PDB file of N, CA and C in Angstrom:
ATOM      1  N   MET A   1      23.552 -27.297  -2.257  1.00  0.00           N
ATOM      2  CA  MET A   1      23.022 -26.474  -3.318  1.00  0.00           C
ATOM      3  C   MET A   1      23.704 -26.772  -4.646  1.00  0.00           C
ATOM      4  N   VAL A   2      24.998 -26.993  -4.617  1.00  0.00           N
ATOM      5  CA  VAL A   2      25.721 -27.274  -5.845  1.00  0.00           C
ATOM      6  C   VAL A   2      25.189 -28.546  -6.488  1.00  0.00           C
ATOM      7  N   CYS A   3      24.913 -29.562  -5.669  1.00  0.00           N
ATOM      8  CA  CYS A   3      24.393 -30.823  -6.202  1.00  0.00           C
ATOM      9  C   CYS A   3      23.036 -30.609  -6.851  1.00  0.00           C
ATOM     10  N   GLU A   4      22.193 -29.797  -6.231  1.00  0.00           N
ATOM     11  CA  GLU A   4      20.870 -29.551  -6.802  1.00  0.00           C
ATOM     12  C   GLU A   4      20.987 -28.835  -8.141  1.00  0.00           C
ATOM     13  N   LYS A   5      21.871 -27.842  -8.203  1.00  0.00           N
ATOM     14  CA  LYS A   5      22.046 -27.110  -9.452  1.00  0.00           C
ATOM     15  C   LYS A   5      22.609 -28.019 -10.530  1.00  0.00           C
ATOM     16  N   ALA A   6      23.546 -28.860 -10.155  1.00  0.00           N
ATOM     17  CA  ALA A   6      24.144 -29.767 -11.125  1.00  0.00           C
ATOM     18  C   ALA A   6      23.112 -30.767 -11.618  1.00  0.00           C
ATOM     19  N   ALA A   7      22.292 -31.268 -10.715  1.00  0.00           N
ATOM     20  CA  ALA A   7      21.278 -32.245 -11.112  1.00  0.00           C
ATOM     21  C   ALA A   7      20.261 -31.608 -12.040  1.00  0.00           C
ATOM     22  N   VAL A   8      19.873 -30.380 -11.737  1.00  0.00           N
ATOM     23  CA  VAL A   8      18.908 -29.698 -12.590  1.00  0.00           C
ATOM     24  C   VAL A   8      19.540 -29.398 -13.937  1.00  0.00           C
ATOM     25  N   GLY A   9      20.802 -29.015 -13.923  1.00  0.00           N
ATOM     26  CA  GLY A   9      21.500 -28.703 -15.162  1.00  0.00           C
ATOM     27  C   GLY A   9      21.624 -29.906 -16.080  1.00  0.00           C
ATOM     28  N   ARG A  10      21.746 -31.099 -15.528  1.00  0.00           N
ATOM     29  CA  ARG A  10      21.888 -32.313 -16.337  1.00  0.00           C
ATOM     30  C   ARG A  10      20.552 -32.790 -16.863  1.00  0.00           C
ATOM     31  N   GLY A  11      19.470 -32.313 -16.308  1.00  0.00           N
ATOM     32  CA  GLY A  11      18.154 -32.744 -16.755  1.00  0.00           C
ATOM     33  C   GLY A  11      17.452 -33.525 -15.681  1.00  0.00           C
ATOM     34  N   ALA A  12      16.155 -33.570 -15.763  1.00  0.00           N
ATOM     35  CA  ALA A  12      15.345 -34.212 -14.733  1.00  0.00           C
ATOM     36  C   ALA A  12      15.496 -35.721 -14.736  1.00  0.00           C
ATOM     37  N   SER A  13      15.976 -36.300 -15.808  1.00  0.00           N
ATOM     38  CA  SER A  13      16.090 -37.760 -15.859  1.00  0.00           C
ATOM     39  C   SER A  13      17.132 -38.281 -14.882  1.00  0.00           C
ATOM     40  N   HIS A  14      18.053 -37.440 -14.417  1.00  0.00           N
ATOM     41  CA  HIS A  14      19.077 -37.860 -13.472  1.00  0.00           C
ATOM     42  C   HIS A  14      18.627 -37.739 -12.024  1.00  0.00           C
ATOM     43  N   LEU A  15      17.452 -37.166 -11.798  1.00  0.00           N
ATOM     44  CA  LEU A  15      16.948 -37.028 -10.438  1.00  0.00           C
ATOM     45  C   LEU A  15      16.349 -38.352  -9.986  1.00  0.00           C
ATOM     46  N   PRO A  16      16.462 -38.640  -8.695  1.00  0.00           N
ATOM     47  CA  PRO A  16      15.793 -39.839  -8.201  1.00  0.00           C
ATOM     48  C   PRO A  16      14.285 -39.695  -8.376  1.00  0.00           C
ATOM     49  N   PRO A  17      13.536 -40.796  -8.425  1.00  0.00           N
ATOM     50  CA  PRO A  17      12.096 -40.733  -8.675  1.00  0.00           C
ATOM     51  C   PRO A  17      11.355 -39.824  -7.703  1.00  0.00           C
ATOM     52  N   PHE A  18      11.764 -39.804  -6.428  1.00  0.00           N
ATOM     53  CA  PHE A  18      11.071 -38.963  -5.451  1.00  0.00           C
ATOM     54  C   PHE A  18      11.465 -37.506  -5.605  1.00  0.00           C
ATOM     55  N   GLY A  19      12.497 -37.224  -6.366  1.00  0.00           N
ATOM     56  CA  GLY A  19      12.987 -35.859  -6.532  1.00  0.00           C
ATOM     57  C   GLY A  19      12.011 -34.969  -7.272  1.00  0.00           C
ATOM     58  N   LYS A  20      11.391 -35.488  -8.312  1.00  0.00           N
ATOM     59  CA  LYS A  20      10.450 -34.669  -9.084  1.00  0.00           C
ATOM     60  C   LYS A  20       9.278 -34.240  -8.217  1.00  0.00           C
ATOM     61  N   ASP A  21       8.706 -35.201  -7.506  1.00  0.00           N
ATOM     62  CA  ASP A  21       7.580 -34.874  -6.625  1.00  0.00           C
ATOM     63  C   ASP A  21       8.008 -33.901  -5.542  1.00  0.00           C
ATOM     64  N   GLY A  22       9.203 -34.114  -5.007  1.00  0.00           N
ATOM     65  CA  GLY A  22       9.721 -33.214  -3.975  1.00  0.00           C
ATOM     66  C   GLY A  22       9.925 -31.811  -4.504  1.00  0.00           C
ATOM     67  N   GLU A  23      10.454 -31.729  -5.731  1.00  0.00           N
ATOM     68  CA  GLU A  23      10.648 -30.409  -6.338  1.00  0.00           C
ATOM     69  C   GLU A  23       9.314 -29.713  -6.569  1.00  0.00           C
ATOM     70  N   TYR A  24       8.351 -30.453  -7.103  1.00  0.00           N
ATOM     71  CA  TYR A  24       7.030 -29.868  -7.343  1.00  0.00           C
ATOM     72  C   TYR A  24       6.382 -29.426  -6.035  1.00  0.00           C
ATOM     73  N   ALA A  25       6.547 -30.241  -5.003  1.00  0.00           N
ATOM     74  CA  ALA A  25       5.983 -29.874  -3.699  1.00  0.00           C
ATOM     75  C   ALA A  25       6.654 -28.610  -3.170  1.00  0.00           C
ATOM     76  N   ALA A  26       7.987 -28.528  -3.340  1.00  0.00           N
ATOM     77  CA  ALA A  26       8.712 -27.341  -2.873  1.00  0.00           C
ATOM     78  C   ALA A  26       8.280 -26.107  -3.665  1.00  0.00           C
ATOM     79  N   ILE A  27       8.139 -26.264  -4.976  1.00  0.00           N
ATOM     80  CA  ILE A  27       7.701 -25.139  -5.812  1.00  0.00           C
ATOM     81  C   ILE A  27       6.287 -24.717  -5.425  1.00  0.00           C
ATOM     82  N   ASN A  28       5.412 -25.686  -5.230  1.00  0.00           N
ATOM     83  CA  ASN A  28       4.040 -25.363  -4.812  1.00  0.00           C
ATOM     84  C   ASN A  28       4.026 -24.640  -3.477  1.00  0.00           C
ATOM     85  N   SER A  29       4.870 -25.098  -2.564  1.00  0.00           N
ATOM     86  CA  SER A  29       4.947 -24.454  -1.249  1.00  0.00           C
ATOM     87  C   SER A  29       5.429 -23.012  -1.383  1.00  0.00           C
ATOM     88  N   MET A  30       6.461 -22.809  -2.207  1.00  0.00           N
ATOM     89  CA  MET A  30       6.967 -21.449  -2.412  1.00  0.00           C
ATOM     90  C   MET A  30       5.907 -20.570  -3.071  1.00  0.00           C
ATOM     91  N   LEU A  31       5.203 -21.121  -4.048  1.00  0.00           N
ATOM     92  CA  LEU A  31       4.145 -20.346  -4.701  1.00  0.00           C
ATOM     93  C   LEU A  31       3.022 -20.009  -3.725  1.00  0.00           C
ATOM     94  N   ASP A  32       2.697 -20.938  -2.842  1.00  0.00           N
ATOM     95  CA  ASP A  32       1.686 -20.663  -1.816  1.00  0.00           C
ATOM     96  C   ASP A  32       2.140 -19.538  -0.896  1.00  0.00           C
ATOM     97  N   GLN A  33       3.433 -19.565  -0.512  1.00  0.00           N
ATOM     98  CA  GLN A  33       3.968 -18.510   0.354  1.00  0.00           C
ATOM     99  C   GLN A  33       3.938 -17.164  -0.362  1.00  0.00           C
ATOM    100  N   ILE A  34       4.334 -17.163  -1.633  1.00  0.00           N
ATOM    101  CA  ILE A  34       4.311 -15.924  -2.410  1.00  0.00           C
ATOM    102  C   ILE A  34       2.881 -15.405  -2.526  1.00  0.00           C
ATOM    103  N   ASN A  35       1.955 -16.304  -2.806  1.00  0.00           N
ATOM    104  CA  ASN A  35       0.547 -15.916  -2.918  1.00  0.00           C
ATOM    105  C   ASN A  35       0.038 -15.330  -1.608  1.00  0.00           C
ATOM    106  N   SER A  36       0.420 -15.953  -0.513  1.00  0.00           N
ATOM    107  CA  SER A  36       0.015 -15.463   0.802  1.00  0.00           C
ATOM    108  C   SER A  36       0.588 -14.069   1.060  1.00  0.00           C
ATOM    109  N   CYS A  37       1.856 -13.882   0.709  1.00  0.00           N
ATOM    110  CA  CYS A  37       2.480 -12.566   0.888  1.00  0.00           C
ATOM    111  C   CYS A  37       1.796 -11.515   0.021  1.00  0.00           C
ATOM    112  N   LEU A  38       1.482 -11.884  -1.212  1.00  0.00           N
ATOM    113  CA  LEU A  38       0.799 -10.941  -2.099  1.00  0.00           C
ATOM    114  C   LEU A  38      -0.593 -10.589  -1.578  1.00  0.00           C
ATOM    115  N   ASP A  39      -1.291 -11.578  -1.045  1.00  0.00           N
ATOM    116  CA  ASP A  39      -2.604 -11.307  -0.445  1.00  0.00           C
ATOM    117  C   ASP A  39      -2.470 -10.339   0.722  1.00  0.00           C
ATOM    118  N   HIS A  40      -1.442 -10.572   1.551  1.00  0.00           N
ATOM    119  CA  HIS A  40      -1.209  -9.699   2.705  1.00  0.00           C
ATOM    120  C   HIS A  40      -0.884  -8.276   2.238  1.00  0.00           C
ATOM    121  N   LEU A  41      -0.038  -8.158   1.221  1.00  0.00           N
ATOM    122  CA  LEU A  41       0.297  -6.837   0.690  1.00  0.00           C
ATOM    123  C   LEU A  41      -0.930  -6.144   0.098  1.00  0.00           C
ATOM    124  N   GLU A  42      -1.777  -6.911  -0.560  1.00  0.00           N
ATOM    125  CA  GLU A  42      -2.995  -6.336  -1.124  1.00  0.00           C
ATOM    126  C   GLU A  42      -3.915  -5.816  -0.020  1.00  0.00           C
ATOM    127  N   GLU A  43      -4.018  -6.570   1.078  1.00  0.00           N
ATOM    128  CA  GLU A  43      -4.831  -6.117   2.209  1.00  0.00           C
ATOM    129  C   GLU A  43      -4.268  -4.833   2.798  1.00  0.00           C
ATOM    130  N   LYS A  44      -2.940  -4.787   2.966  1.00  0.00           N
ATOM    131  CA  LYS A  44      -2.306  -3.575   3.497  1.00  0.00           C
ATOM    132  C   LYS A  44      -2.528  -2.399   2.555  1.00  0.00           C
ATOM    133  N   ASN A  45      -2.389  -2.652   1.261  1.00  0.00           N
ATOM    134  CA  ASN A  45      -2.589  -1.602   0.276  1.00  0.00           C
ATOM    135  C   ASN A  45      -4.015  -1.067   0.334  1.00  0.00           C
ATOM    136  N   ASP A  46      -4.986  -1.962   0.425  1.00  0.00           N
ATOM    137  CA  ASP A  46      -6.385  -1.539   0.523  1.00  0.00           C
ATOM    138  C   ASP A  46      -6.622  -0.714   1.784  1.00  0.00           C
ATOM    139  N   TYR A  47      -6.025  -1.153   2.904  1.00  0.00           N
ATOM    140  CA  TYR A  47      -6.174  -0.429   4.167  1.00  0.00           C
ATOM    141  C   TYR A  47      -5.553   0.969   4.056  1.00  0.00           C
ATOM    142  N   LEU A  48      -4.331   1.039   3.510  1.00  0.00           N
ATOM    143  CA  LEU A  48      -3.668   2.334   3.368  1.00  0.00           C
ATOM    144  C   LEU A  48      -4.442   3.245   2.417  1.00  0.00           C
ATOM    145  N   HIS A  49      -4.977   2.677   1.359  1.00  0.00           N
ATOM    146  CA  HIS A  49      -5.768   3.462   0.415  1.00  0.00           C
ATOM    147  C   HIS A  49      -6.987   4.063   1.112  1.00  0.00           C
ATOM    148  N   ALA A  50      -7.660   3.253   1.917  1.00  0.00           N
ATOM    149  CA  ALA A  50      -8.832   3.745   2.652  1.00  0.00           C
ATOM    150  C   ALA A  50      -8.431   4.839   3.640  1.00  0.00           C
ATOM    151  N   CYS A  51      -7.308   4.641   4.331  1.00  0.00           N
ATOM    152  CA  CYS A  51      -6.834   5.660   5.282  1.00  0.00           C
ATOM    153  C   CYS A  51      -6.494   6.962   4.570  1.00  0.00           C
ATOM    154  N   LEU A  52      -5.837   6.863   3.428  1.00  0.00           N
ATOM    155  CA  LEU A  52      -5.467   8.068   2.690  1.00  0.00           C
ATOM    156  C   LEU A  52      -6.696   8.797   2.148  1.00  0.00           C
ATOM    157  N   LYS A  53      -7.693   8.048   1.702  1.00  0.00           N
ATOM    158  CA  LYS A  53      -8.932   8.688   1.248  1.00  0.00           C
ATOM    159  C   LYS A  53      -9.603   9.422   2.401  1.00  0.00           C
ATOM    160  N   GLU A  54      -9.611   8.803   3.570  1.00  0.00           N
ATOM    161  CA  GLU A  54     -10.207   9.429   4.752  1.00  0.00           C
ATOM    162  C   GLU A  54      -9.438  10.690   5.132  1.00  0.00           C
ATOM    163  N   LEU A  55      -8.114  10.616   5.089  1.00  0.00           N
ATOM    164  CA  LEU A  55      -7.281  11.774   5.404  1.00  0.00           C
ATOM    165  C   LEU A  55      -7.506  12.896   4.396  1.00  0.00           C
ATOM    166  N   LEU A  56      -7.586  12.545   3.135  1.00  0.00           N
ATOM    167  CA  LEU A  56      -7.832  13.539   2.101  1.00  0.00           C
ATOM    168  C   LEU A  56      -9.166  14.241   2.318  1.00  0.00           C
ATOM    169  N   GLU A  57     -10.193  13.478   2.617  1.00  0.00           N
ATOM    170  CA  GLU A  57     -11.513  14.069   2.855  1.00  0.00           C
ATOM    171  C   GLU A  57     -11.493  14.964   4.095  1.00  0.00           C
ATOM    172  N   SER A  58     -10.799  14.526   5.130  1.00  0.00           N
ATOM    173  CA  SER A  58     -10.683  15.326   6.347  1.00  0.00           C
ATOM    174  C   SER A  58      -9.960  16.645   6.056  1.00  0.00           C
ATOM    175  N   ASN A  59      -8.887  16.566   5.271  1.00  0.00           N
ATOM    176  CA  ASN A  59      -8.149  17.780   4.920  1.00  0.00           C
ATOM    177  C   ASN A  59      -8.994  18.721   4.070  1.00  0.00           C
ATOM    178  N   ARG A  60      -9.775  18.171   3.166  1.00  0.00           N
ATOM    179  CA  ARG A  60     -10.662  19.007   2.350  1.00  0.00           C
ATOM    180  C   ARG A  60     -11.672  19.730   3.232  1.00  0.00           C
ATOM    181  N   GLN A  61     -12.252  18.996   4.162  1.00  0.00           N
ATOM    182  CA  GLN A  61     -13.249  19.586   5.054  1.00  0.00           C
ATOM    183  C   GLN A  61     -12.623  20.682   5.912  1.00  0.00           C
ATOM    184  N   THR A  62     -11.439  20.422   6.440  1.00  0.00           N
ATOM    185  CA  THR A  62     -10.740  21.414   7.263  1.00  0.00           C
ATOM    186  C   THR A  62     -10.423  22.660   6.446  1.00  0.00           C
ATOM    187  N   ARG A  63      -9.959  22.456   5.208  1.00  0.00           N
ATOM    188  CA  ARG A  63      -9.645  23.589   4.340  1.00  0.00           C
ATOM    189  C   ARG A  63     -10.895  24.418   4.044  1.00  0.00           C
ATOM    190  N   LEU A  64     -12.016  23.757   3.767  1.00  0.00           N
ATOM    191  CA  LEU A  64     -13.264  24.486   3.511  1.00  0.00           C
ATOM    192  C   LEU A  64     -13.697  25.289   4.728  1.00  0.00           C
ATOM    193  N   GLU A  65     -13.613  24.689   5.903  1.00  0.00           N
ATOM    194  CA  GLU A  65     -13.982  25.396   7.130  1.00  0.00           C
ATOM    195  C   GLU A  65     -13.074  26.603   7.344  1.00  0.00           C
ATOM    196  N   PHE A  66     -11.785  26.421   7.088  1.00  0.00           N
ATOM    197  CA  PHE A  66     -10.838  27.520   7.250  1.00  0.00           C
ATOM    198  C   PHE A  66     -11.151  28.644   6.262  1.00  0.00           C
ATOM    199  N   GLN A  67     -11.464  28.291   5.023  1.00  0.00           N
ATOM    200  CA  GLN A  67     -11.812  29.308   4.026  1.00  0.00           C
ATOM    201  C   GLN A  67     -13.076  30.062   4.431  1.00  0.00           C
ATOM    202  N   GLN A  68     -14.073  29.342   4.933  1.00  0.00           N
ATOM    203  CA  GLN A  68     -15.316  29.985   5.356  1.00  0.00           C
ATOM    204  C   GLN A  68     -15.061  30.940   6.517  1.00  0.00           C
ATOM    205  N   GLN A  69     -14.254  30.524   7.488  1.00  0.00           N
ATOM    206  CA  GLN A  69     -13.932  31.395   8.623  1.00  0.00           C
ATOM    207  C   GLN A  69     -13.184  32.635   8.146  1.00  0.00           C
ATOM    208  N   SER A  70     -12.241  32.427   7.240  1.00  0.00           N
ATOM    209  CA  SER A  70     -11.454  33.542   6.727  1.00  0.00           C
ATOM    210  C   SER A  70     -12.338  34.529   5.971  1.00  0.00           C
ATOM    211  N   GLU A  71     -13.245  34.017   5.144  1.00  0.00           N
ATOM    212  CA  GLU A  71     -14.160  34.890   4.406  1.00  0.00           C
ATOM    213  C   GLU A  71     -15.081  35.645   5.356  1.00  0.00           C
ATOM    214  N   GLN A  72     -15.562  34.969   6.395  1.00  0.00           N
ATOM    215  CA  GLN A  72     -16.447  35.615   7.361  1.00  0.00           C
ATOM    216  C   GLN A  72     -15.696  36.719   8.106  1.00  0.00           C
ATOM    217  N   GLN A  73     -14.460  36.456   8.495  1.00  0.00           N
ATOM    218  CA  GLN A  73     -13.670  37.474   9.195  1.00  0.00           C
ATOM    219  C   GLN A  73     -13.398  38.666   8.282  1.00  0.00           C
ATOM    220  N   ASN A  74     -13.146  38.397   7.006  1.00  0.00           N
ATOM    221  CA  ASN A  74     -12.910  39.495   6.057  1.00  0.00           C
ATOM    222  C   ASN A  74     -14.165  40.339   5.876  1.00  0.00           C
ATOM    223  N   MET A  75     -15.332  39.695   5.803  1.00  0.00           N
ATOM    224  CA  MET A  75     -16.587  40.444   5.658  1.00  0.00           C
ATOM    225  C   MET A  75     -16.855  41.281   6.902  1.00  0.00           C
ATOM    226  N   GLU A  76     -16.606  40.721   8.081  1.00  0.00           N
ATOM    227  CA  GLU A  76     -16.819  41.470   9.321  1.00  0.00           C
ATOM    228  C   GLU A  76     -15.877  42.665   9.388  1.00  0.00           C
ATOM    229  N   ALA A  77     -14.639  42.461   8.954  1.00  0.00           N
ATOM    230  CA  ALA A  77     -13.675  43.565   8.963  1.00  0.00           C
ATOM    231  C   ALA A  77     -14.083  44.641   7.966  1.00  0.00           C
ATOM    232  N   ASP A  78     -14.617  44.233   6.814  1.00  0.00           N
ATOM    233  CA  ASP A  78     -15.067  45.207   5.812  1.00  0.00           C
ATOM    234  C   ASP A  78     -16.258  46.013   6.327  1.00  0.00           C
ATOM    235  N   MET A  79     -17.151  45.375   7.089  1.00  0.00           N
ATOM    236  CA  MET A  79     -18.331  46.061   7.623  1.00  0.00           C
ATOM    237  C   MET A  79     -17.947  47.072   8.691  1.00  0.00           C
ATOM    238  N   GLN A  80     -16.915  46.794   9.436  1.00  0.00           N
ATOM    239  CA  GLN A  80     -16.498  47.702  10.507  1.00  0.00           C
ATOM    240  C   GLN A  80     -15.793  48.923   9.951  1.00  0.00           C
ATOM    241  N   GLY A  81     -15.304  48.829   8.758  1.00  0.00           N
ATOM    242  CA  GLY A  81     -14.606  49.966   8.159  1.00  0.00           C
ATOM    243  C   GLY A  81     -13.157  49.990   8.608  1.00  0.00           C
ATOM    244  N   PRO A  82     -12.445  50.992   8.121  1.00  0.00           N
ATOM    245  CA  PRO A  82     -11.018  51.079   8.475  1.00  0.00           C
ATOM    246  C   PRO A  82     -10.845  51.394   9.961  1.00  0.00           C
ATOM    247  N   GLN A  83      -9.884  50.787  10.545  1.00  0.00           N
ATOM    248  CA  GLN A  83      -9.571  50.992  11.961  1.00  0.00           C
ATOM    249  C   GLN A  83      -8.532  52.107  12.082  1.00  0.00           C
ATOM    250  N   PRO A  84      -8.731  52.988  13.060  1.00  0.00           N
ATOM    251  CA  PRO A  84      -7.733  54.059  13.252  1.00  0.00           C
ATOM    252  C   PRO A  84      -6.422  53.451  13.761  1.00  0.00           C
ATOM    253  N   PRO A  85      -5.299  54.036  13.371  1.00  0.00           N
ATOM    254  CA  PRO A  85      -4.003  53.514  13.852  1.00  0.00           C
ATOM    255  C   PRO A  85      -3.897  53.671  15.356  1.00  0.00           C
ATOM    256  N   VAL A  86      -3.225  52.740  15.960  1.00  0.00           N
ATOM    257  CA  VAL A  86      -3.108  52.746  17.420  1.00  0.00           C
ATOM    258  C   VAL A  86      -1.942  53.560  17.864  1.00  0.00           C
TER     259      VAL A  86
END
């Protein structure tokens, strides 16, 4: 690693002729790997986003059903009138 840093620090003219192509190939390979990782993260993000939207909609529906049941129970209790103490 020290040799690579020193060679880069001195300038590309000190690299052997195959070094430039090798460096470009290595950089391209790293960029391809990064791109692949970013694509994978984007897919995961899209999947999680879809799951969270589904969960949110499910929670909304459950909350609405609970509110409707609660309102219906309150109306039924109001129709029956006050209950005598036990």
